[in-house]
Amino acid sequence: MVLLAKPLLKLLPDDKQIKNRSFLEAVSHLPPFFHCLGSPMFTLIKADISGNITKIKAVYNTHPAKFWTLQNILEAEKEMYGAEWPKMGATLALMWLKRGLHFI
């Protein structure tokens, strides 16, 4: 399977920045994939992943030029939320999205 996906996988650029548009486009294919599996077990995972994608996308859509990378969102939210960070906003959603992907 990895051999089939290898041409699709791209290395991080030298600056290690992940562009939100590409990231959100890629992860948006996950919920339909879980739907195709049809198992009730994946319903909760699908809902959790969808909710976290929606939260990240909502922050990105407020100012796409400002939040063009995941790092931009993390830095802005760290400054905005102070001591509450990373327990708020898209940062929390990204953390739970990562945990959900690790779970599968």
N, C-alpha and C. Protein backbone atom coordinates (compact mmCIF):
# COMPACT_ATOMS: atom_id res chain seq x y z
N MET A 1 0.82 -1.19 0.00
CA MET A 1 0.00 0.00 0.00
C MET A 1 0.86 1.26 0.00
N VAL A 2 1.93 1.23 0.79
CA VAL A 2 2.82 2.38 0.85
C VAL A 2 3.44 2.64 -0.52
N LEU A 3 3.76 1.59 -1.24
CA LEU A 3 4.35 1.75 -2.57
C LEU A 3 3.39 2.47 -3.51
N LEU A 4 2.10 2.23 -3.36
CA LEU A 4 1.12 2.90 -4.20
C LEU A 4 0.98 4.37 -3.84
N ALA A 5 1.11 4.69 -2.56
CA ALA A 5 0.92 6.07 -2.11
C ALA A 5 2.19 6.90 -2.20
N LYS A 6 3.34 6.26 -2.31
CA LYS A 6 4.60 6.99 -2.27
C LYS A 6 4.68 8.15 -3.27
N PRO A 7 4.22 7.99 -4.53
CA PRO A 7 4.29 9.14 -5.44
C PRO A 7 3.41 10.31 -5.00
N LEU A 8 2.40 10.04 -4.17
CA LEU A 8 1.50 11.09 -3.72
C LEU A 8 2.04 11.84 -2.51
N LEU A 9 2.94 11.21 -1.77
CA LEU A 9 3.47 11.82 -0.56
C LEU A 9 4.55 12.83 -0.91
N LYS A 10 4.46 13.99 -0.28
CA LYS A 10 5.45 15.03 -0.53
C LYS A 10 6.22 15.30 0.75
N LEU A 11 7.50 15.56 0.60
CA LEU A 11 8.31 15.92 1.74
C LEU A 11 7.97 17.34 2.18
N LEU A 12 8.20 17.61 3.45
CA LEU A 12 8.01 18.97 3.92
C LEU A 12 9.04 19.88 3.26
N PRO A 13 8.66 21.10 2.95
CA PRO A 13 9.66 22.03 2.40
C PRO A 13 10.71 22.34 3.46
N ASP A 14 11.78 22.98 3.05
CA ASP A 14 12.88 23.29 3.96
C ASP A 14 12.44 24.09 5.18
N ASP A 15 11.44 24.96 5.00
CA ASP A 15 10.98 25.78 6.13
C ASP A 15 10.05 25.02 7.08
N LYS A 16 9.72 23.76 6.75
CA LYS A 16 8.90 22.87 7.58
C LYS A 16 7.47 23.40 7.80
N GLN A 17 7.00 24.26 6.93
CA GLN A 17 5.66 24.82 7.04
C GLN A 17 4.66 23.96 6.27
N ILE A 18 3.52 23.66 6.88
CA ILE A 18 2.46 22.89 6.22
C ILE A 18 1.37 23.87 5.81
N LYS A 19 1.12 23.96 4.52
CA LYS A 19 0.12 24.89 4.01
C LYS A 19 -1.28 24.39 4.38
N ASN A 20 -2.07 25.27 4.96
CA ASN A 20 -3.41 24.89 5.42
C ASN A 20 -4.30 24.41 4.29
N ARG A 21 -4.26 25.08 3.18
CA ARG A 21 -5.16 24.70 2.08
C ARG A 21 -4.90 23.24 1.66
N SER A 22 -3.64 22.89 1.46
CA SER A 22 -3.29 21.52 1.07
C SER A 22 -3.63 20.53 2.18
N PHE A 23 -3.33 20.90 3.42
CA PHE A 23 -3.61 20.03 4.55
C PHE A 23 -5.10 19.77 4.68
N LEU A 24 -5.90 20.83 4.64
CA LEU A 24 -7.34 20.67 4.79
C LEU A 24 -7.95 19.89 3.63
N GLU A 25 -7.42 20.10 2.44
CA GLU A 25 -7.90 19.33 1.29
C GLU A 25 -7.60 17.84 1.48
N ALA A 26 -6.41 17.53 1.97
CA ALA A 26 -6.03 16.13 2.16
C ALA A 26 -6.86 15.46 3.25
N VAL A 27 -7.01 16.10 4.40
CA VAL A 27 -7.75 15.46 5.50
C VAL A 27 -9.25 15.44 5.25
N SER A 28 -9.74 16.26 4.33
CA SER A 28 -11.18 16.25 4.05
C SER A 28 -11.62 14.96 3.36
N HIS A 29 -10.68 14.18 2.86
CA HIS A 29 -11.01 12.90 2.24
C HIS A 29 -11.17 11.78 3.27
N LEU A 30 -10.80 12.02 4.50
CA LEU A 30 -10.88 10.98 5.53
C LEU A 30 -12.31 10.62 5.93
N PRO A 31 -13.19 11.60 6.23
CA PRO A 31 -14.55 11.21 6.64
C PRO A 31 -15.29 10.36 5.60
N PRO A 32 -15.24 10.69 4.30
CA PRO A 32 -15.90 9.81 3.33
C PRO A 32 -15.29 8.41 3.31
N PHE A 33 -13.99 8.31 3.56
CA PHE A 33 -13.34 7.01 3.61
C PHE A 33 -13.94 6.17 4.74
N PHE A 34 -14.09 6.76 5.92
CA PHE A 34 -14.66 6.02 7.05
C PHE A 34 -16.12 5.67 6.80
N HIS A 35 -16.82 6.53 6.09
CA HIS A 35 -18.21 6.23 5.74
C HIS A 35 -18.28 4.98 4.86
N CYS A 36 -17.35 4.86 3.95
CA CYS A 36 -17.32 3.69 3.05
C CYS A 36 -17.06 2.39 3.79
N LEU A 37 -16.38 2.45 4.91
CA LEU A 37 -16.11 1.24 5.68
C LEU A 37 -17.39 0.66 6.28
N GLY A 38 -18.37 1.53 6.52
CA GLY A 38 -19.69 1.08 6.93
C GLY A 38 -19.83 0.57 8.35
N SER A 39 -18.77 0.38 9.06
CA SER A 39 -18.86 -0.16 10.42
C SER A 39 -19.31 0.93 11.40
N PRO A 40 -20.23 0.60 12.30
CA PRO A 40 -20.64 1.57 13.32
C PRO A 40 -19.47 2.04 14.19
N MET A 41 -18.45 1.21 14.31
CA MET A 41 -17.28 1.59 15.10
C MET A 41 -16.62 2.85 14.54
N PHE A 42 -16.66 3.02 13.23
CA PHE A 42 -16.01 4.17 12.61
C PHE A 42 -16.87 5.42 12.61
N THR A 43 -18.13 5.32 13.01
CA THR A 43 -19.02 6.48 13.04
C THR A 43 -18.50 7.54 14.01
N LEU A 44 -18.08 7.13 15.19
CA LEU A 44 -17.55 8.08 16.17
C LEU A 44 -16.24 8.70 15.69
N ILE A 45 -15.38 7.91 15.10
CA ILE A 45 -14.11 8.42 14.59
C ILE A 45 -14.37 9.43 13.48
N LYS A 46 -15.30 9.08 12.58
CA LYS A 46 -15.65 9.98 11.48
C LYS A 46 -16.18 11.30 12.02
N ALA A 47 -17.07 11.25 13.00
CA ALA A 47 -17.64 12.47 13.57
C ALA A 47 -16.57 13.32 14.25
N ASP A 48 -15.68 12.69 14.98
CA ASP A 48 -14.62 13.40 15.68
C ASP A 48 -13.67 14.08 14.70
N ILE A 49 -13.25 13.34 13.70
CA ILE A 49 -12.34 13.89 12.69
C ILE A 49 -13.01 15.02 11.92
N SER A 50 -14.27 14.83 11.54
CA SER A 50 -15.01 15.88 10.81
C SER A 50 -15.12 17.15 11.64
N GLY A 51 -15.43 17.00 12.92
CA GLY A 51 -15.55 18.17 13.79
C GLY A 51 -14.25 18.93 13.93
N ASN A 52 -13.16 18.21 14.06
CA ASN A 52 -11.85 18.87 14.19
C ASN A 52 -11.43 19.54 12.89
N ILE A 53 -11.72 18.93 11.77
CA ILE A 53 -11.42 19.56 10.47
C ILE A 53 -12.22 20.85 10.33
N THR A 54 -13.49 20.81 10.72
CA THR A 54 -14.36 21.98 10.64
C THR A 54 -13.82 23.13 11.49
N LYS A 55 -13.34 22.83 12.69
CA LYS A 55 -12.79 23.86 13.57
C LYS A 55 -11.53 24.50 12.98
N ILE A 56 -10.65 23.69 12.45
CA ILE A 56 -9.42 24.22 11.84
C ILE A 56 -9.77 25.05 10.61
N LYS A 57 -10.69 24.53 9.80
CA LYS A 57 -11.10 25.24 8.59
C LYS A 57 -11.76 26.58 8.92
N ALA A 58 -12.53 26.63 10.00
CA ALA A 58 -13.20 27.88 10.40
C ALA A 58 -12.18 28.96 10.73
N VAL A 59 -11.12 28.60 11.44
CA VAL A 59 -10.08 29.57 11.77
C VAL A 59 -9.35 29.99 10.50
N TYR A 60 -8.99 29.04 9.66
CA TYR A 60 -8.30 29.35 8.41
C TYR A 60 -9.14 30.31 7.55
N ASN A 61 -10.44 30.04 7.45
CA ASN A 61 -11.31 30.85 6.60
C ASN A 61 -11.52 32.27 7.11
N THR A 62 -11.22 32.54 8.38
CA THR A 62 -11.36 33.91 8.87
C THR A 62 -10.34 34.84 8.24
N HIS A 63 -9.18 34.31 7.88
CA HIS A 63 -8.13 35.14 7.28
C HIS A 63 -7.11 34.24 6.58
N PRO A 64 -7.47 33.71 5.38
CA PRO A 64 -6.58 32.77 4.68
C PRO A 64 -5.17 33.29 4.42
N ALA A 65 -5.03 34.57 4.17
CA ALA A 65 -3.69 35.11 3.91
C ALA A 65 -2.83 35.10 5.17
N LYS A 66 -3.45 35.36 6.31
CA LYS A 66 -2.73 35.37 7.58
C LYS A 66 -2.44 33.95 8.06
N PHE A 67 -3.39 33.05 7.86
CA PHE A 67 -3.28 31.68 8.35
C PHE A 67 -2.99 30.70 7.24
N TRP A 68 -2.04 31.01 6.38
CA TRP A 68 -1.77 30.13 5.23
C TRP A 68 -1.03 28.86 5.62
N THR A 69 -0.44 28.80 6.83
CA THR A 69 0.19 27.56 7.31
C THR A 69 -0.36 27.20 8.69
N LEU A 70 -0.21 25.93 9.04
CA LEU A 70 -0.61 25.50 10.38
C LEU A 70 0.19 26.24 11.45
N GLN A 71 1.45 26.47 11.18
CA GLN A 71 2.31 27.18 12.13
C GLN A 71 1.78 28.59 12.40
N ASN A 72 1.26 29.27 11.37
CA ASN A 72 0.69 30.61 11.56
C ASN A 72 -0.48 30.58 12.54
N ILE A 73 -1.33 29.57 12.41
CA ILE A 73 -2.48 29.45 13.32
C ILE A 73 -1.99 29.18 14.74
N LEU A 74 -1.05 28.25 14.89
CA LEU A 74 -0.54 27.92 16.22
C LEU A 74 0.10 29.13 16.90
N GLU A 75 0.89 29.88 16.16
CA GLU A 75 1.55 31.06 16.74
C GLU A 75 0.54 32.13 17.12
N ALA A 76 -0.45 32.37 16.25
CA ALA A 76 -1.47 33.38 16.54
C ALA A 76 -2.30 32.99 17.75
N GLU A 77 -2.68 31.72 17.83
CA GLU A 77 -3.49 31.28 18.97
C GLU A 77 -2.68 31.27 20.26
N LYS A 78 -1.42 30.96 20.19
CA LYS A 78 -0.58 30.99 21.39
C LYS A 78 -0.52 32.41 21.95
N GLU A 79 -0.40 33.38 21.06
CA GLU A 79 -0.37 34.78 21.48
C GLU A 79 -1.75 35.23 21.99
N MET A 80 -2.81 34.80 21.31
CA MET A 80 -4.17 35.22 21.64
C MET A 80 -4.65 34.62 22.97
N TYR A 81 -4.41 33.34 23.19
CA TYR A 81 -4.96 32.65 24.36
C TYR A 81 -4.03 32.62 25.56
N GLY A 82 -2.78 32.91 25.37
CA GLY A 82 -1.84 32.96 26.48
C GLY A 82 -1.78 31.66 27.26
N ALA A 83 -2.07 31.74 28.56
CA ALA A 83 -1.96 30.58 29.44
C ALA A 83 -2.95 29.47 29.10
N GLU A 84 -4.05 29.80 28.45
CA GLU A 84 -5.05 28.79 28.07
C GLU A 84 -4.61 27.95 26.87
N TRP A 85 -3.62 28.44 26.12
CA TRP A 85 -3.14 27.72 24.95
C TRP A 85 -2.37 26.50 25.40
N PRO A 86 -2.48 25.35 24.86
CA PRO A 86 -3.16 24.93 23.64
C PRO A 86 -4.53 24.31 23.88
N LYS A 87 -5.25 24.78 24.86
CA LYS A 87 -6.53 24.17 25.22
C LYS A 87 -7.71 24.87 24.56
N MET A 88 -7.46 25.63 23.52
CA MET A 88 -8.52 26.41 22.87
C MET A 88 -8.35 26.37 21.35
N GLY A 89 -9.44 26.63 20.64
CA GLY A 89 -9.41 26.90 19.21
C GLY A 89 -8.91 25.79 18.32
N ALA A 90 -8.33 26.21 17.20
CA ALA A 90 -7.85 25.28 16.17
C ALA A 90 -6.66 24.47 16.67
N THR A 91 -5.91 25.00 17.62
CA THR A 91 -4.78 24.26 18.17
C THR A 91 -5.27 22.98 18.85
N LEU A 92 -6.33 23.11 19.64
CA LEU A 92 -6.91 21.94 20.31
C LEU A 92 -7.48 20.97 19.28
N ALA A 93 -8.15 21.51 18.26
CA ALA A 93 -8.71 20.66 17.20
C ALA A 93 -7.61 19.91 16.46
N LEU A 94 -6.51 20.58 16.19
CA LEU A 94 -5.39 19.93 15.51
C LEU A 94 -4.79 18.82 16.38
N MET A 95 -4.70 19.08 17.67
CA MET A 95 -4.17 18.06 18.59
C MET A 95 -5.08 16.83 18.59
N TRP A 96 -6.40 17.03 18.64
CA TRP A 96 -7.33 15.90 18.65
C TRP A 96 -7.40 15.21 17.30
N LEU A 97 -7.24 15.96 16.23
CA LEU A 97 -7.20 15.35 14.90
C LEU A 97 -5.99 14.42 14.81
N LYS A 98 -4.85 14.89 15.29
CA LYS A 98 -3.64 14.06 15.29
C LYS A 98 -3.85 12.80 16.12
N ARG A 99 -4.45 12.95 17.29
CA ARG A 99 -4.71 11.78 18.15
C ARG A 99 -5.66 10.80 17.47
N GLY A 100 -6.67 11.33 16.79
CA GLY A 100 -7.61 10.46 16.07
C GLY A 100 -6.92 9.68 14.96
N LEU A 101 -6.03 10.34 14.25
CA LEU A 101 -5.31 9.67 13.17
C LEU A 101 -4.35 8.62 13.72
N HIS A 102 -3.75 8.91 14.86
CA HIS A 102 -2.87 7.91 15.49
C HIS A 102 -3.68 6.71 15.97
N PHE A 103 -4.91 6.96 16.41
CA PHE A 103 -5.77 5.88 16.89
C PHE A 103 -6.06 4.88 15.78
N ILE A 104 -6.29 5.41 14.58
CA ILE A 104 -6.59 4.50 13.47
C ILE A 104 -5.32 3.88 12.97
